[in-house]
Every structure is written in C-alpha cells, then in structure tokens.
Amino acid sequence: MFEELFSGPIARARQRASPLVDERRQFLQHLKELGYALTSLKAVACELLVIVRGLDLSGDDAVDIATVDAAAQRWARQQIRRHRSTNSAISTRNFRYWATQWLQFLGRLQERAVAAAPFQPLLDGFTRYMADEQGLTPASIKSHGWKTAKFLGWYESLGRSFADVTIQDVDNFLAAKGKATWSRRSVAIAVQALRAFFRYAERTHQSRAGIAEAITGPRLFDFETLPAGPAWSDIAAIITDLATDRAADIRCVAALLLFATYGFRVGEVAGLMLDDIDWEHEVIRIRRLKRQDVQTYPLSKEAGTALLRYLTEVRPRGHWREVFLTLQAPHRPLSRGGLYHLASRVLCARELRLQHHGPHALRHACATRLLSQGLSFKHIGDHLGHRHADATAVYAKVDVPSLREVARFDLGGVR
C-alpha cells in the first residue's frame, strides 16, 4: 500500500518504521475499497503518522473521545507554534476525525454512553406492538415512534410517573407544539400516533383507560390537503437544464424520472436494487413500502436511458447492490434524506410555488398527469401503489375540467 502512495524512499521508510504499521496499512486498504482516491489516501497516511505520535496506542486498551480531543488540541497548538498552520480548528478537526475513524476500525474507540430516551422500555414495547401486531410499515412505525418520543420527552420534564398521565397532559402537549413549530397537519398526524400509543398503553395496563378515545386534534378541511406538484412542463424544463456531463446531474436525472414518471416514493427509490432493473425484458420492479409487495412496470425509454447512463458513466464500482450511491468516498447507498435533497434542490432552484419541494411533489405531478390523460382513479391508485381508494380520490380535487363538466350537467329541471 505504501509503495502505491509514496514514490520517495524516505517517505516509504518513514511509513514502514512508524508504530502500528500493519494496522495503518489495513485501514488504508479499507479506505481504498470504499472508493477513496490515491491522493486522499496519501493525505490520510500522513495524518495517521501524526496520530500514532500523538496518542499512546502501545497497549490494547480502548481510547475515549476525551483523550482523542486532548491530543488533537495539542497537535493543533504545535502546528501554530511551528508556523505550519494558521487555523487550529482545521488541524484539530482533521486529527479528531481520522483518529476516531481509525480507532473505530480497530475496535478500540470507547464511545460516549448515550442516555436512554425517556420511558425507553415503553417506547420499545410500542414499536414491537406496531410491527408484530398491527403490521405497520417501517415508515409508519418510524413516524409514530418519533411523534410518541416527542410526547414522552415533553412529559418527562413534568417529573411525574407515566401511570399518572391524563388527557389534559396530551392536550397541553399538542397545544404547545401547535403554537410552536408544528402545522395543523403535523398536529393531526401526532394525534393518530398518540391514539395508537395510548391504545397500546391501555391494553398493557400502563396508563389510565379512556385516554386514546379522548384524544382530539384540529379539523382538517378537504382542500387544506390539496396535493400540489409542479406542472409537467416545469419537470421537462428541469430535465433539460440537467442535461450536462456533470456526474451529479446525470444521477439526478435518473432519480427524478423515477419520481415523476412512476410516482415512486423516496424510500422505494432508495431501496431500488440493481437486480430490480430487467434490461432484457425492459421492466423495472419496485418494492412497495405500504402495500408490502412488488410491482413491475415497463421501463420507459427516457427513464431507461437515464438509468443506463448513470450506471455506466457515473455510479461508483463496489459491492453495493443499491442503484443510487453517493458520489464521494466513502461510497455508500444514497439515503432517503440524500434523495430528498437531490429533488428539493432542483425544485427550489426554479422557485416554483409549491407547498413542498421534495420527491413527493413529483409523485403528485405524476398522479395529476395520469388524471389529465383520462386514467381512472383505480388505475392511478394501482400505478402509485395506493392501498386504499381514498388515497387516490384526493386527486379529484385537482381535476378541474371534470368538475366543470359536472357543473354543466343538465339535471332536467330537478330541484
């Protein structure tokens, strides 16, 4: 490894003669397999020499974060005194980052103890209940768990036992969140989560009876949740603007076409695997998160071309089977958050007047386009992977031409 990184005999000899040579070589090889460039590996190799001199790693004991921080600050002060650096923050950050990464790789980093979340056993039981008995999707479990954890964290500050919780406590929590940062819709979603949570707590005799049924939230009006996505002409313009040779744009086009053409959810695109694209039969398979099944779609020419270009020209090579990966090392599957940012960035850049600027806005655009082409709600629901017809019926609100036809319908004098 050192022979690949250093051409000079003195630099090579320094690397071989310094402590923990095998451990450093193994870590560099690990980074190489993650996709780091040779220039980056060379910089890391030099940083590791600084680390082995600044930390006492002669034994086998784990090293805590406080020890790493102290060594990083000593190194930064030395750099300033020797006039080798004018920014101690950068020296400290680099030392700390690579020391923790290397020690984690070696299994020698003593992590800080993480305080348990308030009422953690209760929250863990609720999570198992949602998964095992209610059969909720991972996304719903995560959403309900997050809202419930917020309530439990708020309730803990009252210093009371959970057995003493009342409906007034729940109402006070929802009112506080509604006045602070949560929208009416966010409060309504929290109501659903807390109803499910208190049904579980009552069933397991951990709270008073009747709280779940007494929880009420804000009234949501029909047009308050009107789905809104960009016009198809705006999507076409975005795709045209991204027709460059930049790696980020090539990846972005492939993802955007999956969101807009098929209406895939962000989690479904994040979970798309290489084997899900059948090039021979020109189909793409998607794992529907809410229906928990697999649907097959014809691979459109535009989406197929964009995916093929991304896979052959841009996607990093490696053992990952997920289609979308990060472009910078260490390469790893692109998260839901990464895909959300990818779509949000281009939608915000066009300054479109949308309620939301993420992949779900493109899903709405897909549904609206299918509706304008005359597809039935049943077909649109099937295309989008809806579990219930009500989820598709919401798009009747945006079908203005059909509503106008209803308004012009001759009732034949019926009063």
Protein backbone atom coordinates (compact mmCIF):
# COMPACT_ATOMS: atom_id res chain seq x y z
CA MET A 1 0.00 0.00 0.00
CA PHE A 2 2.74 2.49 0.94
CA GLU A 3 4.50 1.74 -2.35
CA GLU A 4 1.36 2.88 -4.21
CA LEU A 5 1.11 6.13 -2.29
CA PHE A 6 4.70 7.33 -1.91
CA SER A 7 7.35 7.49 -4.60
CA GLY A 8 10.24 8.67 -2.42
CA PRO A 9 12.29 6.11 -0.42
CA ILE A 10 12.42 8.36 2.68
CA ALA A 11 8.63 8.72 2.85
CA ARG A 12 8.18 4.98 2.36
CA ALA A 13 10.73 4.18 5.06
CA ARG A 14 9.05 6.58 7.50
CA GLN A 15 5.72 4.85 6.97
CA ARG A 16 7.20 1.37 7.49
CA ALA A 17 9.25 2.34 10.55
CA SER A 18 6.42 4.08 12.46
CA PRO A 19 4.30 2.22 15.06
CA LEU A 20 1.27 0.08 14.13
CA VAL A 21 2.37 -0.33 10.53
CA ASP A 22 0.08 -3.29 9.84
CA GLU A 23 -2.93 -1.57 11.41
CA ARG A 24 -2.32 1.55 9.33
CA ARG A 25 -1.86 -0.45 6.15
CA GLN A 26 -5.11 -2.37 6.74
CA PHE A 27 -7.05 0.84 7.35
CA LEU A 28 -5.72 2.43 4.16
CA GLN A 29 -6.65 -0.69 2.19
CA HIS A 30 -10.15 -0.47 3.72
CA LEU A 31 -10.47 3.15 2.59
CA LYS A 32 -9.27 2.21 -0.89
CA GLU A 33 -12.00 -0.41 -1.14
CA LEU A 34 -14.52 2.28 -0.13
CA GLY A 35 -13.50 4.32 -3.17
CA TYR A 36 -11.03 6.87 -1.81
CA ALA A 37 -8.67 8.30 -4.42
CA LEU A 38 -4.91 7.73 -4.08
CA THR A 39 -4.31 11.43 -3.34
CA SER A 40 -6.77 11.24 -0.44
CA LEU A 41 -5.20 8.01 0.82
CA LYS A 42 -1.78 9.65 0.82
CA ALA A 43 -3.09 12.51 2.97
CA VAL A 44 -4.70 10.03 5.38
CA ALA A 45 -1.46 8.03 5.63
CA CYS A 46 0.37 11.18 6.70
CA GLU A 47 -2.37 12.01 9.20
CA LEU A 48 -2.09 8.53 10.72
CA LEU A 49 1.59 9.13 11.44
CA VAL A 50 0.63 12.24 13.39
CA ILE A 51 -1.99 10.24 15.29
CA VAL A 52 0.34 7.41 16.35
CA ARG A 53 2.75 10.02 17.71
CA GLY A 54 0.06 11.99 19.49
CA LEU A 55 -1.81 9.07 21.08
CA ASP A 56 -0.47 6.29 23.29
CA LEU A 57 -1.64 3.21 21.41
CA SER A 58 1.02 0.83 22.71
CA GLY A 59 -1.45 -1.32 24.63
CA ASP A 60 -4.73 -2.90 23.64
CA ASP A 61 -6.99 -0.67 25.72
CA ALA A 62 -9.81 1.35 24.18
CA VAL A 63 -9.28 5.10 23.82
CA ASP A 64 -12.04 7.51 24.83
CA ILE A 65 -13.15 10.59 22.92
CA ALA A 66 -11.80 12.96 25.59
CA THR A 67 -8.27 11.57 25.11
CA VAL A 68 -8.57 11.98 21.33
CA ASP A 69 -9.80 15.57 21.73
CA ALA A 70 -6.90 16.46 24.05
CA ALA A 71 -4.35 15.00 21.62
CA ALA A 72 -5.98 16.83 18.70
CA GLN A 73 -5.74 20.17 20.52
CA ARG A 74 -2.08 19.55 21.43
CA TRP A 75 -1.32 18.83 17.79
CA ALA A 76 -3.09 21.99 16.65
CA ARG A 77 -1.10 24.12 19.11
CA GLN A 78 2.14 22.59 17.86
CA GLN A 79 1.23 23.42 14.28
CA ILE A 80 0.55 27.03 15.21
CA ARG A 81 3.84 27.36 17.15
CA ARG A 82 5.83 25.91 14.25
CA HIS A 83 4.04 28.23 11.81
CA ARG A 84 2.87 25.24 9.80
CA SER A 85 -0.77 26.23 10.13
CA THR A 86 -2.77 29.37 10.78
CA ASN A 87 -6.03 27.61 11.52
CA SER A 88 -6.04 25.45 14.64
CA ALA A 89 -9.67 24.43 14.06
CA ILE A 90 -8.78 22.61 10.82
CA SER A 91 -5.82 20.80 12.40
CA THR A 92 -7.96 19.77 15.37
CA ARG A 93 -10.82 18.60 13.16
CA ASN A 94 -8.61 16.51 10.86
CA PHE A 95 -6.80 14.82 13.75
CA ARG A 96 -10.03 14.07 15.61
CA TYR A 97 -11.89 12.79 12.54
CA TRP A 98 -9.25 10.36 11.33
CA ALA A 99 -8.31 9.23 14.82
CA THR A 100 -11.92 8.28 15.60
CA GLN A 101 -12.37 6.61 12.20
CA TRP A 102 -9.22 4.55 12.59
CA LEU A 103 -9.90 3.60 16.21
CA GLN A 104 -13.44 2.55 15.29
CA PHE A 105 -12.00 0.40 12.50
CA LEU A 106 -9.64 -1.21 15.02
CA GLY A 107 -12.41 -1.66 17.58
CA ARG A 108 -10.51 0.49 20.06
CA LEU A 109 -12.72 3.57 20.37
CA GLN A 110 -14.60 3.91 23.63
CA GLU A 111 -17.85 5.59 22.63
CA ARG A 112 -19.62 8.04 24.89
CA ALA A 113 -22.52 6.48 26.74
CA VAL A 114 -25.80 7.56 25.16
CA ALA A 115 -28.50 8.46 27.63
CA ALA A 116 -31.61 6.35 27.27
CA ALA A 117 -34.64 8.11 25.83
CA PRO A 118 -37.42 8.91 28.31
CA PHE A 119 -39.56 5.88 29.06
CA GLN A 120 -37.49 3.83 26.59
CA PRO A 121 -38.90 0.41 27.59
CA LEU A 122 -42.40 1.72 26.98
CA LEU A 123 -41.41 3.11 23.59
CA ASP A 124 -39.67 -0.16 22.66
CA GLY A 125 -42.78 -2.13 23.54
CA PHE A 126 -44.92 0.19 21.42
CA THR A 127 -42.54 -0.29 18.48
CA ARG A 128 -42.81 -4.09 18.73
CA TYR A 129 -46.60 -3.81 19.02
CA MET A 130 -46.82 -1.75 15.81
CA ALA A 131 -44.61 -4.20 13.91
CA ASP A 132 -45.81 -7.56 15.23
CA GLU A 133 -49.49 -7.00 15.94
CA GLN A 134 -50.50 -4.02 13.81
CA GLY A 135 -48.37 -4.89 10.78
CA LEU A 136 -47.48 -1.27 10.10
CA THR A 137 -44.84 -0.38 7.52
CA PRO A 138 -41.36 0.68 8.69
CA ALA A 139 -42.13 4.25 7.60
CA SER A 140 -45.33 4.37 9.70
CA ILE A 141 -43.56 2.81 12.68
CA LYS A 142 -40.80 5.39 12.44
CA SER A 143 -43.29 8.27 12.16
CA HIS A 144 -45.46 7.08 15.06
CA GLY A 145 -42.41 6.35 17.18
CA TRP A 146 -40.91 9.79 16.54
CA LYS A 147 -44.11 11.62 17.49
CA THR A 148 -44.57 9.46 20.56
CA ALA A 149 -40.96 10.02 21.66
CA LYS A 150 -41.54 13.77 21.43
CA PHE A 151 -44.52 13.47 23.75
CA LEU A 152 -42.65 11.25 26.22
CA GLY A 153 -39.70 13.64 26.26
CA TRP A 154 -42.07 16.54 26.97
CA TYR A 155 -43.92 14.58 29.66
CA GLU A 156 -40.70 13.55 31.42
CA SER A 157 -39.98 17.22 32.14
CA LEU A 158 -43.10 17.26 34.33
CA GLY A 159 -41.39 14.85 36.72
CA ARG A 160 -44.35 12.53 37.07
CA SER A 161 -44.90 8.81 36.65
CA PHE A 162 -46.32 7.67 33.35
CA ALA A 163 -49.14 5.95 35.23
CA ASP A 164 -50.35 9.45 36.20
CA VAL A 165 -50.65 10.78 32.63
CA THR A 166 -54.02 12.35 31.79
CA ILE A 167 -55.85 13.51 28.68
CA GLN A 168 -55.12 17.07 29.83
CA ASP A 169 -51.39 16.33 29.55
CA VAL A 170 -51.86 15.15 25.96
CA ASP A 171 -53.94 18.21 25.10
CA ASN A 172 -51.34 20.53 26.65
CA PHE A 173 -48.56 18.85 24.63
CA LEU A 174 -50.45 19.15 21.34
CA ALA A 175 -51.38 22.77 22.06
CA ALA A 176 -47.75 23.64 22.86
CA LYS A 177 -46.48 22.06 19.65
CA GLY A 178 -49.22 23.73 17.60
CA LYS A 179 -48.24 27.15 18.96
CA ALA A 180 -44.53 26.50 18.42
CA THR A 181 -43.46 24.81 15.19
CA TRP A 182 -45.97 22.15 14.16
CA SER A 183 -48.54 22.83 11.46
CA ARG A 184 -52.16 21.77 11.86
CA ARG A 185 -51.47 18.74 9.71
CA SER A 186 -48.43 17.79 11.83
CA VAL A 187 -50.58 18.01 14.96
CA ALA A 188 -53.24 15.84 13.29
CA ILE A 189 -50.61 13.21 12.45
CA ALA A 190 -49.38 13.32 16.05
CA VAL A 191 -52.95 12.71 17.20
CA GLN A 192 -53.04 9.48 15.15
CA ALA A 193 -49.71 8.37 16.63
CA LEU A 194 -50.71 9.12 20.21
CA ARG A 195 -54.06 7.38 19.83
CA ALA A 196 -52.23 4.25 18.70
CA PHE A 197 -49.71 4.62 21.52
CA PHE A 198 -52.30 5.02 24.26
CA ARG A 199 -54.33 2.12 22.91
CA TYR A 200 -51.18 0.04 23.43
CA ALA A 201 -50.50 1.58 26.88
CA GLU A 202 -54.08 0.96 28.00
CA ARG A 203 -54.06 -2.59 26.65
CA THR A 204 -50.89 -3.36 28.62
CA HIS A 205 -52.27 -1.62 31.76
CA GLN A 206 -49.55 1.03 31.79
CA SER A 207 -51.88 4.04 31.62
CA ARG A 208 -55.38 5.03 32.59
CA ALA A 209 -58.22 3.79 30.41
CA GLY A 210 -60.01 6.09 28.00
CA ILE A 211 -57.17 8.40 27.04
CA ALA A 212 -56.84 7.10 23.48
CA GLU A 213 -60.51 7.69 22.65
CA ALA A 214 -60.46 11.16 24.20
CA ILE A 215 -57.56 12.49 22.10
CA THR A 216 -58.79 15.02 19.54
CA GLY A 217 -56.93 17.09 17.01
CA PRO A 218 -57.51 20.04 14.70
CA ARG A 219 -60.08 19.73 11.99
CA LEU A 220 -58.60 19.43 8.51
CA PHE A 221 -60.72 20.70 5.65
CA ASP A 222 -60.92 18.92 2.32
CA PHE A 223 -58.96 21.48 0.32
CA GLU A 224 -56.44 22.02 3.10
CA THR A 225 -54.52 18.94 1.98
CA LEU A 226 -54.88 19.58 -1.73
CA PRO A 227 -52.00 17.77 -3.44
CA ALA A 228 -49.78 20.11 -5.40
CA GLY A 229 -46.95 19.20 -7.72
CA PRO A 230 -45.06 21.02 -10.44
CA ALA A 231 -46.53 21.25 -13.91
CA TRP A 232 -45.23 18.66 -16.35
CA SER A 233 -43.72 21.46 -18.44
CA ASP A 234 -41.66 22.51 -15.40
CA ILE A 235 -40.41 18.96 -14.93
CA ALA A 236 -39.42 18.78 -18.60
CA ALA A 237 -37.57 22.09 -18.24
CA ILE A 238 -35.72 20.81 -15.18
CA ILE A 239 -34.64 17.65 -17.02
CA THR A 240 -33.44 19.79 -19.94
CA ASP A 241 -31.42 22.05 -17.63
CA LEU A 242 -29.76 18.97 -16.09
CA ALA A 243 -28.67 17.58 -19.47
CA THR A 244 -24.97 18.07 -18.74
CA ASP A 245 -21.92 15.85 -18.33
CA ARG A 246 -21.68 16.53 -14.60
CA ALA A 247 -21.87 13.34 -12.56
CA ALA A 248 -24.31 14.86 -10.05
CA ASP A 249 -26.67 15.96 -12.83
CA ILE A 250 -26.61 12.55 -14.53
CA ARG A 251 -27.52 10.85 -11.26
CA CYS A 252 -30.16 13.49 -10.53
CA VAL A 253 -31.94 12.99 -13.88
CA ALA A 254 -32.16 9.23 -13.33
CA ALA A 255 -33.72 9.69 -9.89
CA LEU A 256 -36.09 12.50 -10.91
CA LEU A 257 -37.51 10.47 -13.79
CA LEU A 258 -38.32 7.62 -11.39
CA PHE A 259 -40.12 10.03 -9.07
CA ALA A 260 -42.01 11.87 -11.81
CA THR A 261 -42.69 9.09 -14.36
CA TYR A 262 -43.71 6.34 -11.96
CA GLY A 263 -44.58 8.27 -8.80
CA PHE A 264 -42.24 6.15 -6.71
CA ARG A 265 -41.83 7.12 -3.05
CA VAL A 266 -38.42 8.27 -1.84
CA GLY A 267 -37.95 5.13 0.29
CA GLU A 268 -38.81 2.92 -2.68
CA VAL A 269 -36.17 4.58 -4.86
CA ALA A 270 -33.63 4.39 -2.02
CA GLY A 271 -34.30 0.63 -1.83
CA LEU A 272 -34.07 0.03 -5.59
CA MET A 273 -31.51 -2.69 -6.37
CA LEU A 274 -29.51 -3.41 -9.50
CA ASP A 275 -31.36 -6.71 -9.91
CA ASP A 276 -34.69 -4.85 -9.92
CA ILE A 277 -33.95 -3.50 -13.40
CA ASP A 278 -34.55 -6.22 -16.01
CA TRP A 279 -32.82 -4.88 -19.11
CA GLU A 280 -33.64 -7.93 -21.21
CA HIS A 281 -37.39 -7.59 -20.73
CA GLU A 282 -37.28 -3.78 -20.29
CA VAL A 283 -39.10 -3.74 -16.95
CA ILE A 284 -38.39 -2.31 -13.52
CA ARG A 285 -39.55 -3.83 -10.23
CA ILE A 286 -40.25 -1.76 -7.14
CA ARG A 287 -40.87 -2.88 -3.59
CA ARG A 288 -43.96 -1.04 -2.41
CA LEU A 289 -43.41 0.07 1.17
CA LYS A 290 -47.04 0.48 2.19
CA ARG A 291 -48.55 -2.47 0.33
CA GLN A 292 -45.51 -4.61 1.13
CA ASP A 293 -45.46 -6.24 -2.28
CA VAL A 294 -43.52 -5.94 -5.53
CA GLN A 295 -44.89 -4.21 -8.63
CA THR A 296 -43.50 -4.43 -12.14
CA TYR A 297 -43.54 -1.52 -14.60
CA PRO A 298 -42.42 -1.18 -18.21
CA LEU A 299 -39.13 0.66 -18.39
CA SER A 300 -39.78 3.86 -20.33
CA LYS A 301 -37.27 4.98 -22.94
CA GLU A 302 -36.44 8.17 -21.04
CA ALA A 303 -36.03 6.50 -17.66
CA GLY A 304 -34.12 3.57 -19.13
CA THR A 305 -31.71 5.82 -21.00
CA ALA A 306 -31.10 7.97 -17.91
CA LEU A 307 -30.54 4.94 -15.67
CA LEU A 308 -28.19 3.29 -18.17
CA ARG A 309 -26.10 6.43 -18.48
CA TYR A 310 -25.87 6.81 -14.70
CA LEU A 311 -24.93 3.16 -14.17
CA THR A 312 -22.29 3.03 -16.90
CA GLU A 313 -20.74 6.50 -16.59
CA VAL A 314 -21.23 7.70 -13.03
CA ARG A 315 -22.14 5.08 -10.43
CA PRO A 316 -19.08 4.09 -8.36
CA ARG A 317 -17.93 0.50 -8.62
CA GLY A 318 -18.18 -1.62 -5.49
CA HIS A 319 -20.07 -4.34 -3.67
CA TRP A 320 -23.21 -2.29 -3.08
CA ARG A 321 -26.35 -3.60 -4.85
CA GLU A 322 -28.40 -0.43 -4.35
CA VAL A 323 -28.78 1.56 -7.57
CA PHE A 324 -28.17 5.03 -6.14
CA LEU A 325 -24.88 5.63 -4.32
CA THR A 326 -23.03 8.66 -3.02
CA LEU A 327 -20.56 10.12 -5.49
CA GLN A 328 -17.87 10.98 -2.93
CA ALA A 329 -15.92 8.43 -0.92
CA PRO A 330 -16.70 6.63 1.26
CA HIS A 331 -19.25 5.34 -1.23
CA ARG A 332 -22.48 4.04 0.29
CA PRO A 333 -26.16 3.81 -0.64
CA LEU A 334 -27.81 7.19 -1.02
CA SER A 335 -30.17 7.67 1.93
CA ARG A 336 -33.76 8.87 1.83
CA GLY A 337 -32.51 12.21 3.05
CA GLY A 338 -29.95 12.36 0.26
CA LEU A 339 -32.59 11.60 -2.38
CA TYR A 340 -34.95 14.14 -0.83
CA HIS A 341 -32.24 16.83 -1.01
CA LEU A 342 -31.49 15.86 -4.61
CA ALA A 343 -35.10 16.58 -5.67
CA SER A 344 -35.61 19.52 -3.33
CA ARG A 345 -32.54 21.33 -4.60
CA VAL A 346 -33.66 21.43 -8.23
CA LEU A 347 -37.28 22.27 -7.40
CA CYS A 348 -36.27 25.13 -5.11
CA ALA A 349 -33.82 26.42 -7.73
CA ARG A 350 -36.71 27.03 -10.15
CA GLU A 351 -38.59 28.97 -7.46
CA LEU A 352 -41.79 27.03 -8.08
CA ARG A 353 -44.71 27.97 -5.84
CA LEU A 354 -45.21 24.60 -4.18
CA GLN A 355 -46.23 23.65 -0.67
CA HIS A 356 -43.48 21.02 -0.58
CA HIS A 357 -40.25 20.82 -2.59
CA GLY A 358 -39.33 17.16 -2.45
CA PRO A 359 -39.87 13.82 -4.21
CA HIS A 360 -43.50 13.67 -3.05
CA ALA A 361 -44.25 16.80 -5.09
CA LEU A 362 -43.11 14.85 -8.17
CA ARG A 363 -45.37 11.97 -7.12
CA HIS A 364 -48.29 14.42 -7.10
CA ALA A 365 -47.24 15.65 -10.54
CA CYS A 366 -47.27 12.07 -11.81
CA ALA A 367 -50.80 11.46 -10.46
CA THR A 368 -52.12 14.74 -11.89
CA ARG A 369 -50.65 13.95 -15.29
CA LEU A 370 -52.24 10.48 -15.33
CA LEU A 371 -55.57 12.04 -14.36
CA SER A 372 -55.35 14.54 -17.21
CA GLN A 373 -54.72 11.66 -19.63
CA GLY A 374 -58.05 10.12 -18.68
CA LEU A 375 -56.96 7.25 -16.42
CA SER A 376 -59.45 6.15 -13.80
CA PHE A 377 -58.80 6.61 -10.10
CA LYS A 378 -58.48 2.84 -9.82
CA HIS A 379 -55.70 2.74 -12.43
CA ILE A 380 -53.95 5.74 -10.91
CA GLY A 381 -54.11 4.17 -7.47
CA ASP A 382 -52.64 0.94 -8.81
CA HIS A 383 -49.89 2.87 -10.57
CA LEU A 384 -48.98 4.77 -7.39
CA GLY A 385 -49.18 1.71 -5.15
CA HIS A 386 -52.04 3.00 -3.00
CA ARG A 387 -53.56 0.58 -0.53
CA HIS A 388 -56.93 2.35 -0.33
CA ALA A 389 -59.11 4.11 -2.88
CA ASP A 390 -59.43 7.14 -0.58
CA ALA A 391 -55.76 7.89 -1.11
CA THR A 392 -56.40 8.39 -4.83
CA ALA A 393 -59.77 10.13 -4.54
CA VAL A 394 -57.98 13.23 -3.26
CA TYR A 395 -56.84 13.92 -6.84
CA ALA A 396 -60.46 14.55 -7.86
CA LYS A 397 -59.98 17.93 -6.24
CA VAL A 398 -57.44 18.96 -8.86
CA ASP A 399 -59.36 17.56 -11.84
CA VAL A 400 -60.83 20.96 -12.69
CA PRO A 401 -62.06 20.04 -16.22
CA SER A 402 -64.10 17.13 -14.85
CA LEU A 403 -65.53 19.28 -12.10
CA ARG A 404 -66.59 21.82 -14.71
CA GLU A 405 -68.34 19.08 -16.66
CA VAL A 406 -70.25 18.16 -13.50
CA ALA A 407 -71.23 21.79 -13.03
CA ARG A 408 -72.61 21.95 -16.58
CA PHE A 409 -74.61 18.72 -16.22
CA ASP A 410 -78.28 19.23 -17.05
CA LEU A 411 -80.42 17.96 -14.19
CA GLY A 412 -83.59 18.20 -16.31
CA GLY A 413 -85.39 20.63 -14.04
CA VAL A 414 -84.84 18.61 -10.87
CA ARG A 415 -84.95 20.86 -7.82
